[in-house]
Amino acid sequence: MRFISYKFAGQAAIGLLTGPDQQHVIPLLAGERRYLGKTELPSTMLGLIEQGDTALEKVRAIAAKAADDPVSEIELRLDQVHLLAPIPRPLKNIFCIGKNYAEHAMEFDKTTDPSIAIPQHPVIFTKAPTTVIGPGAGIKCHSLVTKALDYEVELAVIIGKRGSYVKPEEAMDYVFGYTILNDITARDLQKQHLQWFRGKSLDTSAPMGPCIVHKSEIPNPGNLTVSLKVNGETRQHASTADFLFSIPTLISTLSQGITLEAGDIISTGTPAGVGAARKPPQFLQPGDMLELTISDIGTLMNPVID
């Protein structure tokens, strides 16, 4: 199941991607009315996630009945809707992981010695909820405050239920699904303030999407290809198999004393190839187009604007 948040005819809604090419949308509320004769599903992605298995059972029933409906009056083409970030406004800060790929850790610390660069524990920071934008939305270059805007493709994990002190072996039970997140970073602000929050939290610095893929469709998130292109040039290419800290480790670590809740987002870190590490550094400029792809999820594209 692939869930989207979108606008159609000026109204925000949530839907399920369908069809062999995933180019059609079943509006979930309209689908529930048509196929189940009720209107109990929530109207937002956060609400859907919070309802857990109860909502998922209804979504599966809607999808099954829609597949047998030869002429669905409610189905939309994907090109008819305006995609939003799957969770347009998170309830709290996005949990982010730094230095979760060995090669990126070394390029970040400007060393070839893994013993210096590789962390012994997950490096954790956050991004403000106001950073989130959806597919196609413009990433502001913020030229008044930064001259070093950078990109970072990352797999984002969406938490599906409340939990604390989660054991690693039980951590995947707390996952709802996965999406793509671009951890846009103002490198100069990141260095200037030492703590990373401001450099990571400028408006529009968390493009997210295009959808949330339910965990049932990605049985092995630890073996996904992750890549990023700038203006068609591949800058980052790796596999989540290269994680220093696995998804269960990250969930368990964060939950030790911090309650995780349905709809929380954990962005799992970026591989080598960021603009700051290139020689000379290549930072984002207005007119650049970013194309992020993660296998089994899709592609997220955003332009850089003034």
C-alpha atoms as a PDB file:
ATOM      1  CA  MET A   1       0.000   0.000   0.000  1.00  0.00           C
ATOM      2  CA  ARG A   2       1.241   3.428  -1.007  1.00  0.00           C
ATOM      3  CA  PHE A   3      -0.368   6.373   0.737  1.00  0.00           C
ATOM      4  CA  ILE A   4      -0.333   9.994  -0.431  1.00  0.00           C
ATOM      5  CA  SER A   5      -1.503  13.349   0.864  1.00  0.00           C
ATOM      6  CA  TYR A   6      -2.734  15.667  -1.860  1.00  0.00           C
ATOM      7  CA  LYS A   7      -4.988  18.531  -2.864  1.00  0.00           C
ATOM      8  CA  PHE A   8      -7.758  18.195  -5.410  1.00  0.00           C
ATOM      9  CA  ALA A   9     -10.172  20.993  -6.282  1.00  0.00           C
ATOM     10  CA  GLY A  10      -8.669  23.006  -3.445  1.00  0.00           C
ATOM     11  CA  GLN A  11      -9.345  20.352  -0.794  1.00  0.00           C
ATOM     12  CA  ALA A  12      -6.666  18.426   1.102  1.00  0.00           C
ATOM     13  CA  ALA A  13      -7.149  14.664   1.227  1.00  0.00           C
ATOM     14  CA  ILE A  14      -5.397  11.334   1.622  1.00  0.00           C
ATOM     15  CA  GLY A  15      -5.406   8.568  -0.928  1.00  0.00           C
ATOM     16  CA  LEU A  16      -4.063   5.218  -2.008  1.00  0.00           C
ATOM     17  CA  LEU A  17      -1.985   4.848  -5.146  1.00  0.00           C
ATOM     18  CA  THR A  18      -3.298   2.110  -7.397  1.00  0.00           C
ATOM     19  CA  GLY A  19      -2.992   0.551 -10.828  1.00  0.00           C
ATOM     20  CA  PRO A  20      -0.050  -1.353 -12.309  1.00  0.00           C
ATOM     21  CA  ASP A  21       1.820   1.902 -12.846  1.00  0.00           C
ATOM     22  CA  GLN A  22       0.750   3.515  -9.546  1.00  0.00           C
ATOM     23  CA  GLN A  23      -0.590   6.448 -11.547  1.00  0.00           C
ATOM     24  CA  HIS A  24      -4.116   6.434 -10.156  1.00  0.00           C
ATOM     25  CA  VAL A  25      -5.478   7.510  -6.791  1.00  0.00           C
ATOM     26  CA  ILE A  26      -8.313   6.123  -4.692  1.00  0.00           C
ATOM     27  CA  PRO A  27      -9.506   8.930  -2.383  1.00  0.00           C
ATOM     28  CA  LEU A  28      -9.852   7.059   0.887  1.00  0.00           C
ATOM     29  CA  LEU A  29     -12.874   8.887   2.295  1.00  0.00           C
ATOM     30  CA  ALA A  30     -14.793   8.646  -0.978  1.00  0.00           C
ATOM     31  CA  GLY A  31     -13.711   5.017  -1.304  1.00  0.00           C
ATOM     32  CA  GLU A  32     -14.975   4.211   2.165  1.00  0.00           C
ATOM     33  CA  ARG A  33     -18.375   5.779   1.386  1.00  0.00           C
ATOM     34  CA  ARG A  34     -18.679   3.998  -1.962  1.00  0.00           C
ATOM     35  CA  TYR A  35     -17.404   0.548  -1.066  1.00  0.00           C
ATOM     36  CA  LEU A  36     -18.021   0.197   2.684  1.00  0.00           C
ATOM     37  CA  GLY A  37     -21.055   2.431   3.138  1.00  0.00           C
ATOM     38  CA  LYS A  38     -19.530   4.348   6.038  1.00  0.00           C
ATOM     39  CA  THR A  39     -17.308   7.365   6.793  1.00  0.00           C
ATOM     40  CA  GLU A  40     -15.112   6.445   9.718  1.00  0.00           C
ATOM     41  CA  LEU A  41     -11.622   6.935   8.301  1.00  0.00           C
ATOM     42  CA  PRO A  42      -9.758  10.140   9.257  1.00  0.00           C
ATOM     43  CA  SER A  43      -9.069  12.833   6.696  1.00  0.00           C
ATOM     44  CA  THR A  44      -5.334  13.204   7.428  1.00  0.00           C
ATOM     45  CA  MET A  45      -2.307  10.954   7.199  1.00  0.00           C
ATOM     46  CA  LEU A  46      -1.513  11.429  10.875  1.00  0.00           C
ATOM     47  CA  GLY A  47      -5.031  10.357  11.753  1.00  0.00           C
ATOM     48  CA  LEU A  48      -4.761   7.304   9.520  1.00  0.00           C
ATOM     49  CA  ILE A  49      -1.479   6.234  11.111  1.00  0.00           C
ATOM     50  CA  GLU A  50      -2.851   6.771  14.607  1.00  0.00           C
ATOM     51  CA  GLN A  51      -5.809   4.465  13.892  1.00  0.00           C
ATOM     52  CA  GLY A  52      -3.370   1.657  13.184  1.00  0.00           C
ATOM     53  CA  ASP A  53      -4.667  -1.774  12.168  1.00  0.00           C
ATOM     54  CA  THR A  54      -8.288  -0.639  12.331  1.00  0.00           C
ATOM     55  CA  ALA A  55      -7.708   1.840   9.513  1.00  0.00           C
ATOM     56  CA  LEU A  56      -5.473  -0.520   7.546  1.00  0.00           C
ATOM     57  CA  GLU A  57      -8.155  -3.211   7.468  1.00  0.00           C
ATOM     58  CA  LYS A  58     -10.589  -0.712   5.956  1.00  0.00           C
ATOM     59  CA  VAL A  59      -8.014   0.480   3.421  1.00  0.00           C
ATOM     60  CA  ARG A  60      -7.351  -3.099   2.322  1.00  0.00           C
ATOM     61  CA  ALA A  61     -11.082  -3.673   1.907  1.00  0.00           C
ATOM     62  CA  ILE A  62     -11.441  -0.468  -0.127  1.00  0.00           C
ATOM     63  CA  ALA A  63      -8.517  -1.438  -2.366  1.00  0.00           C
ATOM     64  CA  ALA A  64      -9.920  -4.929  -2.964  1.00  0.00           C
ATOM     65  CA  LYS A  65     -13.375  -3.634  -3.907  1.00  0.00           C
ATOM     66  CA  ALA A  66     -11.916  -0.882  -6.092  1.00  0.00           C
ATOM     67  CA  ALA A  67      -9.901  -3.488  -7.997  1.00  0.00           C
ATOM     68  CA  ASP A  68     -13.161  -5.270  -8.875  1.00  0.00           C
ATOM     69  CA  ASP A  69     -14.914  -2.048  -9.887  1.00  0.00           C
ATOM     70  CA  PRO A  70     -14.551  -1.714 -13.681  1.00  0.00           C
ATOM     71  CA  VAL A  71     -15.842   1.845 -13.794  1.00  0.00           C
ATOM     72  CA  SER A  72     -14.885   3.691 -10.612  1.00  0.00           C
ATOM     73  CA  GLU A  73     -16.420   7.154 -10.446  1.00  0.00           C
ATOM     74  CA  ILE A  74     -14.196   8.207  -7.578  1.00  0.00           C
ATOM     75  CA  GLU A  75     -10.757   7.252  -8.917  1.00  0.00           C
ATOM     76  CA  LEU A  76      -8.438  10.084  -9.943  1.00  0.00           C
ATOM     77  CA  ARG A  77      -5.384  10.176 -12.158  1.00  0.00           C
ATOM     78  CA  LEU A  78      -2.226  11.062 -10.295  1.00  0.00           C
ATOM     79  CA  ASP A  79      -1.610  13.950 -12.696  1.00  0.00           C
ATOM     80  CA  GLN A  80      -4.950  15.458 -11.632  1.00  0.00           C
ATOM     81  CA  VAL A  81      -3.872  16.020  -8.035  1.00  0.00           C
ATOM     82  CA  HIS A  82      -1.302  18.237  -6.360  1.00  0.00           C
ATOM     83  CA  LEU A  83       0.942  16.078  -4.184  1.00  0.00           C
ATOM     84  CA  LEU A  84       1.744  17.273  -0.678  1.00  0.00           C
ATOM     85  CA  ALA A  85       4.333  15.869   1.689  1.00  0.00           C
ATOM     86  CA  PRO A  86       2.864  12.598   3.007  1.00  0.00           C
ATOM     87  CA  ILE A  87       2.773  14.194   6.472  1.00  0.00           C
ATOM     88  CA  PRO A  88       2.439  17.891   5.568  1.00  0.00           C
ATOM     89  CA  ARG A  89       2.951  19.118   9.121  1.00  0.00           C
ATOM     90  CA  PRO A  90       4.545  16.696  11.615  1.00  0.00           C
ATOM     91  CA  LEU A  91       3.350  17.030  15.198  1.00  0.00           C
ATOM     92  CA  LYS A  92       6.904  17.472  16.434  1.00  0.00           C
ATOM     93  CA  ASN A  93      10.493  17.739  15.253  1.00  0.00           C
ATOM     94  CA  ILE A  94      11.845  15.190  12.807  1.00  0.00           C
ATOM     95  CA  PHE A  95      14.402  12.865  14.398  1.00  0.00           C
ATOM     96  CA  CYS A  96      17.536  12.833  12.223  1.00  0.00           C
ATOM     97  CA  ILE A  97      20.635  10.657  12.254  1.00  0.00           C
ATOM     98  CA  GLY A  98      24.072  11.957  11.316  1.00  0.00           C
ATOM     99  CA  LYS A  99      27.085   9.967  10.145  1.00  0.00           C
ATOM    100  CA  ASN A 100      25.203   6.717   9.548  1.00  0.00           C
ATOM    101  CA  TYR A 101      27.315   5.760   6.511  1.00  0.00           C
ATOM    102  CA  ALA A 102      31.056   5.240   7.021  1.00  0.00           C
ATOM    103  CA  GLU A 103      32.128   7.043   3.844  1.00  0.00           C
ATOM    104  CA  HIS A 104      29.987  10.069   4.641  1.00  0.00           C
ATOM    105  CA  ALA A 105      31.311  10.146   8.204  1.00  0.00           C
ATOM    106  CA  MET A 106      34.842  10.304   6.813  1.00  0.00           C
ATOM    107  CA  GLU A 107      34.061  12.956   4.203  1.00  0.00           C
ATOM    108  CA  PHE A 108      32.288  14.996   6.886  1.00  0.00           C
ATOM    109  CA  ASP A 109      35.284  14.842   9.240  1.00  0.00           C
ATOM    110  CA  LYS A 110      37.739  15.206   6.338  1.00  0.00           C
ATOM    111  CA  THR A 111      39.700  12.100   7.268  1.00  0.00           C
ATOM    112  CA  THR A 112      40.465   8.690   5.792  1.00  0.00           C
ATOM    113  CA  ASP A 113      40.746   7.141   9.235  1.00  0.00           C
ATOM    114  CA  PRO A 114      37.517   5.313  10.157  1.00  0.00           C
ATOM    115  CA  SER A 115      38.556   5.162  13.805  1.00  0.00           C
ATOM    116  CA  ILE A 116      38.370   8.967  13.956  1.00  0.00           C
ATOM    117  CA  ALA A 117      35.175   9.512  11.972  1.00  0.00           C
ATOM    118  CA  ILE A 118      32.858   6.603  12.736  1.00  0.00           C
ATOM    119  CA  PRO A 119      30.684   7.271  15.812  1.00  0.00           C
ATOM    120  CA  GLN A 120      30.301   4.738  18.592  1.00  0.00           C
ATOM    121  CA  HIS A 121      26.661   5.695  19.116  1.00  0.00           C
ATOM    122  CA  PRO A 122      24.040   7.190  16.771  1.00  0.00           C
ATOM    123  CA  VAL A 123      24.456  10.930  16.191  1.00  0.00           C
ATOM    124  CA  ILE A 124      21.013  12.435  16.755  1.00  0.00           C
ATOM    125  CA  PHE A 125      19.651  15.888  15.914  1.00  0.00           C
ATOM    126  CA  THR A 126      16.265  17.269  14.843  1.00  0.00           C
ATOM    127  CA  LYS A 127      14.625  19.417  12.182  1.00  0.00           C
ATOM    128  CA  ALA A 128      11.669  21.701  12.860  1.00  0.00           C
ATOM    129  CA  PRO A 129       8.195  20.696  11.554  1.00  0.00           C
ATOM    130  CA  THR A 130       8.128  23.927   9.518  1.00  0.00           C
ATOM    131  CA  THR A 131      10.892  22.562   7.261  1.00  0.00           C
ATOM    132  CA  VAL A 132       8.591  20.093   5.492  1.00  0.00           C
ATOM    133  CA  ILE A 133       7.524  20.602   1.874  1.00  0.00           C
ATOM    134  CA  GLY A 134       6.128  18.205  -0.693  1.00  0.00           C
ATOM    135  CA  PRO A 135       7.111  16.946  -4.145  1.00  0.00           C
ATOM    136  CA  GLY A 136       7.694  19.697  -6.672  1.00  0.00           C
ATOM    137  CA  ALA A 137       7.736  22.475  -4.087  1.00  0.00           C
ATOM    138  CA  GLY A 138      10.598  24.941  -4.231  1.00  0.00           C
ATOM    139  CA  ILE A 139      13.575  24.726  -1.886  1.00  0.00           C
ATOM    140  CA  LYS A 140      14.404  28.309  -0.918  1.00  0.00           C
ATOM    141  CA  CYS A 141      18.104  29.149  -1.241  1.00  0.00           C
ATOM    142  CA  HIS A 142      17.949  31.608   1.706  1.00  0.00           C
ATOM    143  CA  SER A 143      20.799  33.668   0.238  1.00  0.00           C
ATOM    144  CA  LEU A 144      20.492  36.284   3.008  1.00  0.00           C
ATOM    145  CA  VAL A 145      21.592  33.779   5.646  1.00  0.00           C
ATOM    146  CA  THR A 146      23.575  31.035   3.862  1.00  0.00           C
ATOM    147  CA  LYS A 147      26.010  30.607   0.994  1.00  0.00           C
ATOM    148  CA  ALA A 148      26.394  26.865   1.475  1.00  0.00           C
ATOM    149  CA  LEU A 149      23.071  25.126   0.964  1.00  0.00           C
ATOM    150  CA  ASP A 150      23.581  21.374   0.595  1.00  0.00           C
ATOM    151  CA  TYR A 151      21.555  18.229  -0.157  1.00  0.00           C
ATOM    152  CA  GLU A 152      21.260  14.866   1.620  1.00  0.00           C
ATOM    153  CA  VAL A 153      19.110  11.983   0.375  1.00  0.00           C
ATOM    154  CA  GLU A 154      17.778   9.831   3.213  1.00  0.00           C
ATOM    155  CA  LEU A 155      15.391   6.975   3.915  1.00  0.00           C
ATOM    156  CA  ALA A 156      12.787   8.149   6.411  1.00  0.00           C
ATOM    157  CA  VAL A 157      11.013   5.752   8.755  1.00  0.00           C
ATOM    158  CA  ILE A 158       7.440   6.567   9.827  1.00  0.00           C
ATOM    159  CA  ILE A 159       6.548   5.319  13.301  1.00  0.00           C
ATOM    160  CA  GLY A 160       3.175   3.584  13.522  1.00  0.00           C
ATOM    161  CA  LYS A 161       2.411   3.389  17.231  1.00  0.00           C
ATOM    162  CA  ARG A 162       3.398   4.739  20.614  1.00  0.00           C
ATOM    163  CA  GLY A 163       6.336   3.111  22.353  1.00  0.00           C
ATOM    164  CA  SER A 164       9.142   3.667  24.814  1.00  0.00           C
ATOM    165  CA  TYR A 165      12.104   1.553  25.861  1.00  0.00           C
ATOM    166  CA  VAL A 166      11.576  -0.511  22.731  1.00  0.00           C
ATOM    167  CA  LYS A 167      13.771  -3.593  22.390  1.00  0.00           C
ATOM    168  CA  PRO A 168      15.726  -3.847  19.114  1.00  0.00           C
ATOM    169  CA  GLU A 169      14.152  -7.202  18.329  1.00  0.00           C
ATOM    170  CA  GLU A 170      10.683  -5.642  18.631  1.00  0.00           C
ATOM    171  CA  ALA A 171      11.458  -2.326  16.947  1.00  0.00           C
ATOM    172  CA  MET A 172      10.096  -3.151  13.492  1.00  0.00           C
ATOM    173  CA  ASP A 173       6.660  -3.732  15.038  1.00  0.00           C
ATOM    174  CA  TYR A 174       6.581   0.043  15.628  1.00  0.00           C
ATOM    175  CA  VAL A 175       7.139   0.958  11.964  1.00  0.00           C
ATOM    176  CA  PHE A 176       4.243   2.106   9.780  1.00  0.00           C
ATOM    177  CA  GLY A 177       6.171   2.657   6.575  1.00  0.00           C
ATOM    178  CA  TYR A 178       8.872   4.491   4.671  1.00  0.00           C
ATOM    179  CA  THR A 179       9.350   7.594   2.546  1.00  0.00           C
ATOM    180  CA  ILE A 180      12.135   9.770   1.105  1.00  0.00           C
ATOM    181  CA  LEU A 181      13.476  12.851   2.874  1.00  0.00           C
ATOM    182  CA  ASN A 182      15.986  15.424   1.646  1.00  0.00           C
ATOM    183  CA  ASP A 183      17.902  16.726   4.671  1.00  0.00           C
ATOM    184  CA  ILE A 184      18.739  20.119   3.185  1.00  0.00           C
ATOM    185  CA  THR A 185      21.513  21.720   5.232  1.00  0.00           C
ATOM    186  CA  ALA A 186      23.075  25.185   5.442  1.00  0.00           C
ATOM    187  CA  ARG A 187      26.668  24.050   6.031  1.00  0.00           C
ATOM    188  CA  ASP A 188      27.936  27.456   7.111  1.00  0.00           C
ATOM    189  CA  LEU A 189      25.202  27.794   9.737  1.00  0.00           C
ATOM    190  CA  GLN A 190      25.800  24.236  10.830  1.00  0.00           C
ATOM    191  CA  LYS A 191      29.435  25.098  11.579  1.00  0.00           C
ATOM    192  CA  GLN A 192      28.749  28.578  12.948  1.00  0.00           C
ATOM    193  CA  HIS A 193      26.328  27.446  15.638  1.00  0.00           C
ATOM    194  CA  LEU A 194      28.037  24.132  16.520  1.00  0.00           C
ATOM    195  CA  GLN A 195      24.649  22.655  17.389  1.00  0.00           C
ATOM    196  CA  TRP A 196      23.063  21.692  14.073  1.00  0.00           C
ATOM    197  CA  PHE A 197      19.452  22.762  14.612  1.00  0.00           C
ATOM    198  CA  ARG A 198      19.511  26.117  12.818  1.00  0.00           C
ATOM    199  CA  GLY A 199      21.573  24.887   9.882  1.00  0.00           C
ATOM    200  CA  LYS A 200      19.140  22.005   9.432  1.00  0.00           C
ATOM    201  CA  SER A 201      15.880  23.865  10.040  1.00  0.00           C
ATOM    202  CA  LEU A 202      15.585  26.685   7.532  1.00  0.00           C
ATOM    203  CA  ASP A 203      12.155  26.842   5.901  1.00  0.00           C
ATOM    204  CA  THR A 204      11.712  24.322   3.059  1.00  0.00           C
ATOM    205  CA  SER A 205      14.726  22.244   4.167  1.00  0.00           C
ATOM    206  CA  ALA A 206      12.880  18.924   4.455  1.00  0.00           C
ATOM    207  CA  PRO A 207      11.359  17.962   1.108  1.00  0.00           C
ATOM    208  CA  MET A 208       9.489  14.698   1.677  1.00  0.00           C
ATOM    209  CA  GLY A 209       7.612  12.158  -0.430  1.00  0.00           C
ATOM    210  CA  PRO A 210       6.269  11.267  -2.847  1.00  0.00           C
ATOM    211  CA  CYS A 211       4.362   8.713  -0.764  1.00  0.00           C
ATOM    212  CA  ILE A 212       4.541   6.544   2.323  1.00  0.00           C
ATOM    213  CA  VAL A 213       5.026   2.907   1.398  1.00  0.00           C
ATOM    214  CA  HIS A 214       3.568   0.597   4.030  1.00  0.00           C
ATOM    215  CA  LYS A 215       6.134  -1.691   5.626  1.00  0.00           C
ATOM    216  CA  SER A 216       4.370  -4.759   4.217  1.00  0.00           C
ATOM    217  CA  GLU A 217       5.697  -3.807   0.778  1.00  0.00           C
ATOM    218  CA  ILE A 218       9.299  -3.363   1.950  1.00  0.00           C
ATOM    219  CA  PRO A 219      10.208  -6.443   3.963  1.00  0.00           C
ATOM    220  CA  ASN A 220      13.914  -5.570   3.927  1.00  0.00           C
ATOM    221  CA  PRO A 221      14.481  -1.821   4.342  1.00  0.00           C
ATOM    222  CA  GLY A 222      18.106  -2.596   5.123  1.00  0.00           C
ATOM    223  CA  ASN A 223      18.820  -3.323   1.457  1.00  0.00           C
ATOM    224  CA  LEU A 224      17.487  -0.384  -0.558  1.00  0.00           C
ATOM    225  CA  THR A 225      19.354   1.585  -3.205  1.00  0.00           C
ATOM    226  CA  VAL A 226      19.562   5.304  -2.360  1.00  0.00           C
ATOM    227  CA  SER A 227      20.575   7.934  -4.915  1.00  0.00           C
ATOM    228  CA  LEU A 228      20.477  11.663  -5.607  1.00  0.00           C
ATOM    229  CA  LYS A 229      20.972  13.661  -8.781  1.00  0.00           C
ATOM    230  CA  VAL A 230      21.518  17.391  -9.231  1.00  0.00           C
ATOM    231  CA  ASN A 231      20.543  18.570 -12.713  1.00  0.00           C
ATOM    232  CA  GLY A 232      20.785  14.981 -13.942  1.00  0.00           C
ATOM    233  CA  GLU A 233      24.257  14.348 -12.475  1.00  0.00           C
ATOM    234  CA  THR A 234      24.467  11.541  -9.915  1.00  0.00           C
ATOM    235  CA  ARG A 235      26.002  12.890  -6.717  1.00  0.00           C
ATOM    236  CA  GLN A 236      25.035  10.201  -4.185  1.00  0.00           C
ATOM    237  CA  HIS A 237      24.567   6.466  -4.705  1.00  0.00           C
ATOM    238  CA  ALA A 238      24.622   3.842  -1.964  1.00  0.00           C
ATOM    239  CA  SER A 239      22.614   1.153  -0.206  1.00  0.00           C
ATOM    240  CA  THR A 240      20.937   1.137   3.168  1.00  0.00           C
ATOM    241  CA  ALA A 241      22.887  -2.100   3.672  1.00  0.00           C
ATOM    242  CA  ASP A 242      25.767   0.278   4.453  1.00  0.00           C
ATOM    243  CA  PHE A 243      24.068   1.733   7.550  1.00  0.00           C
ATOM    244  CA  LEU A 244      26.343   1.888  10.573  1.00  0.00           C
ATOM    245  CA  PHE A 245      23.279   1.722  12.826  1.00  0.00           C
ATOM    246  CA  SER A 246      20.304  -0.336  11.678  1.00  0.00           C
ATOM    247  CA  ILE A 247      16.700   0.812  11.781  1.00  0.00           C
ATOM    248  CA  PRO A 248      15.929  -1.376  14.837  1.00  0.00           C
ATOM    249  CA  THR A 249      18.961   0.101  16.616  1.00  0.00           C
ATOM    250  CA  LEU A 250      17.865   3.646  15.820  1.00  0.00           C
ATOM    251  CA  ILE A 251      14.283   3.089  16.984  1.00  0.00           C
ATOM    252  CA  SER A 252      15.418   1.372  20.167  1.00  0.00           C
ATOM    253  CA  THR A 253      18.024   4.040  20.948  1.00  0.00           C
ATOM    254  CA  LEU A 254      15.619   6.945  20.432  1.00  0.00           C
ATOM    255  CA  SER A 255      12.934   5.284  22.536  1.00  0.00           C
ATOM    256  CA  GLN A 256      15.137   4.921  25.593  1.00  0.00           C
ATOM    257  CA  GLY A 257      13.535   7.623  27.725  1.00  0.00           C
ATOM    258  CA  ILE A 258      11.843   9.386  24.785  1.00  0.00           C
ATOM    259  CA  THR A 259       8.346   8.215  23.914  1.00  0.00           C
ATOM    260  CA  LEU A 260       7.904   7.628  20.198  1.00  0.00           C
ATOM    261  CA  GLU A 261       4.425   8.303  18.832  1.00  0.00           C
ATOM    262  CA  ALA A 262       2.404   7.433  15.766  1.00  0.00           C
ATOM    263  CA  GLY A 263       3.468   9.699  12.912  1.00  0.00           C
ATOM    264  CA  ASP A 264       6.960  10.408  14.246  1.00  0.00           C
ATOM    265  CA  ILE A 265       9.598  10.562  11.521  1.00  0.00           C
ATOM    266  CA  ILE A 266      13.131   9.194  11.763  1.00  0.00           C
ATOM    267  CA  SER A 267      15.447  10.215   8.922  1.00  0.00           C
ATOM    268  CA  THR A 268      18.198   7.627   8.849  1.00  0.00           C
ATOM    269  CA  GLY A 269      21.235   9.504   7.525  1.00  0.00           C
ATOM    270  CA  THR A 270      22.818  10.250   4.169  1.00  0.00           C
ATOM    271  CA  PRO A 271      25.586   8.533   2.175  1.00  0.00           C
ATOM    272  CA  ALA A 272      28.768  10.077   0.814  1.00  0.00           C
ATOM    273  CA  GLY A 273      28.703  12.582  -2.010  1.00  0.00           C
ATOM    274  CA  VAL A 274      27.324  15.740  -0.421  1.00  0.00           C
ATOM    275  CA  GLY A 275      28.149  19.060  -2.054  1.00  0.00           C
ATOM    276  CA  ALA A 276      30.365  20.213   0.804  1.00  0.00           C
ATOM    277  CA  ALA A 277      32.736  17.280   0.223  1.00  0.00           C
ATOM    278  CA  ARG A 278      33.268  17.890  -3.488  1.00  0.00           C
ATOM    279  CA  LYS A 279      36.446  19.586  -4.688  1.00  0.00           C
ATOM    280  CA  PRO A 280      35.721  22.403  -4.976  1.00  0.00           C
ATOM    281  CA  PRO A 281      32.490  22.340  -2.934  1.00  0.00           C
ATOM    282  CA  GLN A 282      29.314  22.517  -5.016  1.00  0.00           C
ATOM    283  CA  PHE A 283      26.413  24.039  -3.170  1.00  0.00           C
ATOM    284  CA  LEU A 284      22.862  24.435  -4.405  1.00  0.00           C
ATOM    285  CA  GLN A 285      21.904  27.385  -6.585  1.00  0.00           C
ATOM    286  CA  PRO A 286      18.563  28.760  -7.804  1.00  0.00           C
ATOM    287  CA  GLY A 287      17.484  26.785 -10.856  1.00  0.00           C
ATOM    288  CA  ASP A 288      18.997  23.496  -9.701  1.00  0.00           C
ATOM    289  CA  MET A 289      16.735  20.447  -9.844  1.00  0.00           C
ATOM    290  CA  LEU A 290      17.104  17.706  -7.247  1.00  0.00           C
ATOM    291  CA  GLU A 291      16.014  14.150  -7.993  1.00  0.00           C
ATOM    292  CA  LEU A 292      16.074  11.667  -5.117  1.00  0.00           C
ATOM    293  CA  THR A 293      15.308   7.985  -5.672  1.00  0.00           C
ATOM    294  CA  ILE A 294      15.025   5.088  -3.258  1.00  0.00           C
ATOM    295  CA  SER A 295      14.228   1.643  -4.632  1.00  0.00           C
ATOM    296  CA  ASP A 296      10.754   0.313  -3.745  1.00  0.00           C
ATOM    297  CA  ILE A 297       9.598   3.833  -2.840  1.00  0.00           C
ATOM    298  CA  GLY A 298       9.958   6.104  -5.865  1.00  0.00           C
ATOM    299  CA  THR A 299      11.420   9.469  -6.813  1.00  0.00           C
ATOM    300  CA  LEU A 300      11.174  12.856  -5.107  1.00  0.00           C
ATOM    301  CA  MET A 301      11.919  15.961  -7.208  1.00  0.00           C
ATOM    302  CA  ASN A 302      12.264  19.568  -6.056  1.00  0.00           C
ATOM    303  CA  PRO A 303      13.697  22.709  -7.671  1.00  0.00           C
ATOM    304  CA  VAL A 304      15.857  25.245  -5.854  1.00  0.00           C
ATOM    305  CA  ILE A 305      14.374  28.752  -5.975  1.00  0.00           C
ATOM    306  CA  ASP A 306      15.388  32.260  -4.916  1.00  0.00           C
END
